Amino acid sequence: MLSRSAAVVALGVLLVPSAAVAQEGEMVLATYFQCDMTRQSRTDEIVNQVFAPVYDQMVESGAISGWGWMAHQMGGKVRRLGYMVAADQAAALEAQSQVISTVQSDHPEAGEEFSSICGAHEDYLWRIETIAQMPSEAPGTQAQVSMYFYCDMSREGRADEVVKESFAPIFEQMVASGQLASWGWLVHDTGGKWRRLLTMSAADYATLFAARAAMVEAIQANAAEAGTEFNQICSTHEDYLWNVVAAR
């Protein structure tokens, strides 16, 4: 029988829209895997060869709007990230059930192999608060930085306002100028301790680091007070660099 961690791959593997465009208010079901580093590259093959066709069918049917699979480049203990985009919580959970059923019946050996490599995971449901493109909508995107914030829950709504009012115009200009391929701001719905998520992607890490430095400089120059207020609310964060293995 397919274990839960293997089943979640199926729901975390096929995600960002192929025809549709991710929308504010949609839910991202993300699964963060801890894996055997000596065998983790095998999971990328399993995802592309076995799980991706299952998710492609779900995108075509409208059950989900897209999917993605990321490989760890730098950061904490998480080695692989699978995510999917759905209309709401109910749609995400229904898609999860459908994937589990399909993989159990059609690909049990692949599911068990995946579970033997990535034996621990943590699930999150994120709501898309603000977005300017997803990786699948930005051809050539290979690198992504994710900044996971720990925030004061009594004031985190104000942090969202700061991002939308003061930071979003800076990020959007960077996408328009080609400094970034995409960016997004997501808020915690269900899961662990992380409360907010900022993502930025680019063609490669050199471009991404340059964009991040330009972003910090622009905030200091044009939104310093907003930056200070944001840091008071979300005072701690964890950074991850991801290689985009697949995003559709």
Protein backbone atom coordinates (compact mmCIF):
# COMPACT_ATOMS: atom_id res chain seq x y z
CA MET A 1 0.00 0.00 0.00
CA LEU A 2 1.17 3.52 -0.76
CA SER A 3 2.32 5.34 2.38
CA ARG A 4 1.04 8.86 3.09
CA SER A 5 4.38 10.48 2.30
CA ALA A 6 4.41 8.83 -1.12
CA ALA A 7 0.80 9.78 -1.72
CA VAL A 8 1.48 13.38 -0.90
CA VAL A 9 4.08 13.48 -3.63
CA ALA A 10 1.31 12.78 -6.00
CA LEU A 11 -0.58 15.68 -4.69
CA GLY A 12 2.47 17.84 -4.37
CA VAL A 13 3.98 17.02 -7.68
CA LEU A 14 1.74 18.43 -10.34
CA LEU A 15 0.86 21.96 -9.91
CA VAL A 16 1.32 25.45 -11.44
CA PRO A 17 -1.13 26.11 -14.31
CA SER A 18 -0.43 25.02 -17.84
CA ALA A 19 -3.26 26.96 -19.45
CA ALA A 20 -4.69 28.85 -16.49
CA VAL A 21 -2.93 31.58 -14.53
CA ALA A 22 -2.63 31.35 -10.77
CA GLN A 23 -4.99 33.75 -9.05
CA GLU A 24 -5.01 35.63 -5.77
CA GLY A 25 -7.11 33.72 -3.26
CA GLU A 26 -6.23 30.27 -4.62
CA MET A 27 -4.69 27.69 -2.31
CA VAL A 28 -1.23 26.16 -2.63
CA LEU A 29 -0.86 22.75 -1.02
CA ALA A 30 2.89 22.40 -0.38
CA THR A 31 4.70 19.35 0.97
CA TYR A 32 8.22 19.73 2.32
CA PHE A 33 10.24 16.48 2.26
CA GLN A 34 13.27 15.35 4.24
CA CYS A 35 15.13 12.79 2.12
CA ASP A 36 18.13 10.49 1.97
CA MET A 37 20.67 12.79 0.31
CA THR A 38 22.47 9.87 -1.35
CA ARG A 39 19.32 8.90 -3.26
CA GLN A 40 17.27 12.09 -3.46
CA SER A 41 17.88 12.65 -7.19
CA ARG A 42 15.97 9.44 -7.85
CA THR A 43 12.81 11.16 -6.60
CA ASP A 44 13.12 13.71 -9.40
CA GLU A 45 13.04 10.85 -11.91
CA ILE A 46 10.02 9.28 -10.20
CA VAL A 47 8.18 12.58 -10.24
CA ASN A 48 8.83 13.23 -13.92
CA GLN A 49 8.26 9.66 -15.11
CA VAL A 50 5.42 8.44 -12.88
CA PHE A 51 3.58 11.20 -11.07
CA ALA A 52 3.65 14.03 -13.60
CA PRO A 53 1.27 12.31 -16.05
CA VAL A 54 -1.25 11.83 -13.23
CA TYR A 55 -1.15 15.51 -12.40
CA ASP A 56 -1.25 16.58 -16.01
CA GLN A 57 -4.55 14.74 -16.33
CA MET A 58 -5.86 16.52 -13.25
CA VAL A 59 -4.85 19.89 -14.70
CA GLU A 60 -6.64 19.03 -17.93
CA SER A 61 -9.77 18.03 -16.02
CA GLY A 62 -9.71 21.22 -13.95
CA ALA A 63 -9.30 19.45 -10.62
CA ILE A 64 -6.17 21.52 -10.01
CA SER A 65 -4.72 24.48 -11.88
CA GLY A 66 -1.03 23.57 -11.75
CA TRP A 67 1.90 21.91 -10.01
CA GLY A 68 5.62 22.14 -9.32
CA TRP A 69 8.60 20.19 -8.00
CA MET A 70 11.66 21.88 -6.47
CA ALA A 71 15.08 20.54 -5.48
CA HIS A 72 17.09 21.93 -2.55
CA GLN A 73 20.07 24.10 -3.43
CA MET A 74 20.67 25.84 -0.10
CA GLY A 75 18.79 26.23 3.16
CA GLY A 76 17.56 24.04 5.99
CA LYS A 77 16.69 20.36 6.34
CA VAL A 78 14.04 20.17 3.62
CA ARG A 79 15.44 18.51 0.48
CA ARG A 80 12.46 18.50 -1.89
CA LEU A 81 9.31 20.60 -2.25
CA GLY A 82 6.20 19.56 -4.13
CA TYR A 83 3.23 21.88 -4.51
CA MET A 84 -0.10 22.16 -6.27
CA VAL A 85 -2.53 25.01 -6.82
CA ALA A 86 -6.27 24.55 -6.34
CA ALA A 87 -9.31 26.80 -6.06
CA ASP A 88 -9.83 26.33 -2.31
CA GLN A 89 -9.18 23.99 0.63
CA ALA A 90 -11.92 21.57 -0.39
CA ALA A 91 -10.57 21.30 -3.93
CA ALA A 92 -7.03 20.73 -2.66
CA LEU A 93 -8.09 17.97 -0.28
CA GLU A 94 -10.28 16.32 -2.93
CA ALA A 95 -7.35 16.37 -5.35
CA GLN A 96 -5.17 14.78 -2.67
CA SER A 97 -7.66 11.95 -2.22
CA GLN A 98 -7.87 11.41 -5.96
CA VAL A 99 -4.10 11.24 -6.34
CA ILE A 100 -3.70 8.82 -3.45
CA SER A 101 -6.31 6.52 -4.95
CA THR A 102 -4.73 6.64 -8.41
CA VAL A 103 -1.19 6.00 -7.21
CA GLN A 104 -2.25 3.18 -4.91
CA SER A 105 -3.93 1.38 -7.80
CA ASP A 106 -1.59 2.19 -10.71
CA HIS A 107 1.90 2.93 -9.32
CA PRO A 108 2.33 1.28 -5.89
CA GLU A 109 5.98 0.32 -6.42
CA ALA A 110 6.97 3.85 -7.41
CA GLY A 111 5.16 5.22 -4.39
CA GLU A 112 6.95 2.85 -2.05
CA GLU A 113 10.33 3.65 -3.59
CA PHE A 114 9.70 7.36 -3.15
CA SER A 115 8.69 6.82 0.48
CA SER A 116 11.87 4.86 1.16
CA ILE A 117 13.94 7.85 0.01
CA CYS A 118 11.90 10.72 1.49
CA GLY A 119 10.51 9.22 4.67
CA ALA A 120 9.45 12.41 6.50
CA HIS A 121 7.44 15.41 5.38
CA GLU A 122 5.46 18.44 6.55
CA ASP A 123 2.35 19.78 4.80
CA TYR A 124 1.23 23.39 4.47
CA LEU A 125 -1.77 25.06 2.91
CA TRP A 126 -0.85 28.55 1.71
CA ARG A 127 -3.29 31.13 0.35
CA ILE A 128 -2.03 33.31 -2.48
CA GLU A 129 -2.34 36.87 -1.19
CA THR A 130 -0.46 38.75 -3.92
CA ILE A 131 1.23 37.38 -7.03
CA ALA A 132 2.96 38.47 -10.21
CA GLN A 133 3.43 35.33 -12.30
CA MET A 134 4.22 31.82 -11.19
CA PRO A 135 7.31 29.89 -12.35
CA SER A 136 5.34 28.01 -15.01
CA GLU A 137 4.34 31.34 -16.54
CA ALA A 138 7.96 32.53 -16.77
CA PRO A 139 9.85 30.47 -19.40
CA GLY A 140 13.47 29.75 -18.58
CA THR A 141 13.04 30.11 -14.82
CA GLN A 142 15.51 27.83 -13.04
CA ALA A 143 16.17 29.39 -9.62
CA GLN A 144 13.86 30.42 -6.80
CA VAL A 145 14.42 31.89 -3.36
CA SER A 146 11.77 31.36 -0.69
CA MET A 147 11.76 33.42 2.50
CA TYR A 148 9.65 31.79 5.22
CA PHE A 149 8.67 34.25 7.96
CA TYR A 150 7.76 33.77 11.60
CA CYS A 151 5.39 36.62 12.53
CA ASP A 152 3.42 38.09 15.41
CA MET A 153 0.03 36.49 14.74
CA SER A 154 -1.83 39.44 16.28
CA ARG A 155 -0.31 41.81 13.70
CA GLU A 156 0.48 39.67 10.67
CA GLY A 157 -2.49 41.08 8.77
CA ARG A 158 -0.73 44.44 8.88
CA ALA A 159 2.36 42.81 7.36
CA ASP A 160 0.19 41.77 4.40
CA GLU A 161 -0.93 45.38 3.98
CA VAL A 162 2.68 46.59 4.03
CA VAL A 163 3.64 44.07 1.35
CA LYS A 164 0.72 45.01 -0.88
CA GLU A 165 0.98 48.78 -0.39
CA SER A 166 4.74 49.37 -0.17
CA PHE A 167 6.65 46.33 -1.45
CA ALA A 168 4.47 45.04 -4.30
CA PRO A 169 5.08 48.06 -6.58
CA ILE A 170 8.84 47.46 -6.24
CA PHE A 171 8.53 43.75 -7.00
CA GLU A 172 6.19 44.34 -9.94
CA GLN A 173 8.59 46.84 -11.47
CA MET A 174 11.38 44.29 -11.14
CA VAL A 175 9.28 41.70 -13.00
CA ALA A 176 8.42 44.27 -15.67
CA SER A 177 12.11 45.15 -16.14
CA GLY A 178 13.19 41.51 -16.29
CA GLN A 179 15.14 41.53 -13.02
CA LEU A 180 12.72 38.91 -11.68
CA ALA A 181 10.78 36.24 -13.54
CA SER A 182 8.09 36.00 -10.86
CA TRP A 183 7.24 36.81 -7.27
CA GLY A 184 4.51 35.95 -4.81
CA TRP A 185 3.29 36.59 -1.26
CA LEU A 186 1.46 33.72 0.44
CA VAL A 187 -0.22 33.56 3.85
CA HIS A 188 -0.50 30.63 6.23
CA ASP A 189 -3.78 28.73 6.23
CA THR A 190 -2.90 25.35 7.74
CA GLY A 191 0.37 23.70 8.71
CA GLY A 192 3.45 24.37 10.81
CA LYS A 193 5.10 27.44 12.34
CA TRP A 194 5.87 29.47 9.23
CA ARG A 195 3.30 32.26 8.88
CA ARG A 196 4.19 34.04 5.64
CA LEU A 197 6.07 33.15 2.45
CA LEU A 198 7.80 35.44 -0.05
CA THR A 199 8.96 33.82 -3.29
CA MET A 200 11.12 35.29 -6.04
CA SER A 201 12.38 33.48 -9.16
CA ALA A 202 14.81 34.22 -11.97
CA ALA A 203 16.66 32.50 -14.80
CA ASP A 204 19.69 31.69 -12.60
CA TYR A 205 21.12 32.35 -9.15
CA ALA A 206 23.39 35.22 -10.23
CA THR A 207 20.34 37.07 -11.56
CA LEU A 208 18.33 36.14 -8.49
CA PHE A 209 20.93 37.37 -5.99
CA ALA A 210 21.34 40.61 -7.90
CA ALA A 211 17.57 41.10 -7.86
CA ARG A 212 17.34 40.40 -4.14
CA ALA A 213 20.07 42.97 -3.43
CA ALA A 214 18.28 45.49 -5.65
CA MET A 215 15.03 44.78 -3.82
CA VAL A 216 16.57 45.47 -0.42
CA GLU A 217 18.15 48.67 -1.71
CA ALA A 218 14.86 49.85 -3.23
CA ILE A 219 12.95 49.23 0.00
CA GLN A 220 15.57 51.12 2.03
CA ALA A 221 15.42 54.03 -0.40
CA ASN A 222 11.67 54.21 -1.03
CA ALA A 223 9.87 52.39 1.80
CA ALA A 224 12.20 52.48 4.79
CA GLU A 225 9.47 53.07 7.39
CA ALA A 226 7.37 50.28 5.92
CA GLY A 227 10.40 47.99 6.00
CA THR A 228 10.99 48.74 9.67
CA GLU A 229 7.34 48.09 10.52
CA PHE A 230 7.38 44.83 8.60
CA ASN A 231 10.52 43.64 10.40
CA GLN A 232 8.89 44.37 13.75
CA ILE A 233 5.96 42.12 12.88
CA CYS A 234 7.84 39.36 11.05
CA SER A 235 11.18 39.51 12.83
CA THR A 236 12.58 36.06 11.98
CA HIS A 237 12.78 34.10 8.76
CA GLU A 238 14.36 31.08 7.07
CA ASP A 239 15.70 31.22 3.52
CA TYR A 240 15.75 28.41 0.96
CA LEU A 241 17.17 28.37 -2.54
CA TRP A 242 15.34 25.97 -4.87
CA ASN A 243 16.17 24.57 -8.29
CA VAL A 244 13.02 24.40 -10.39
CA VAL A 245 12.85 20.77 -11.55
CA ALA A 246 9.32 21.03 -12.98
CA ALA A 247 6.62 23.71 -12.97
CA ARG A 248 3.52 23.60 -15.14
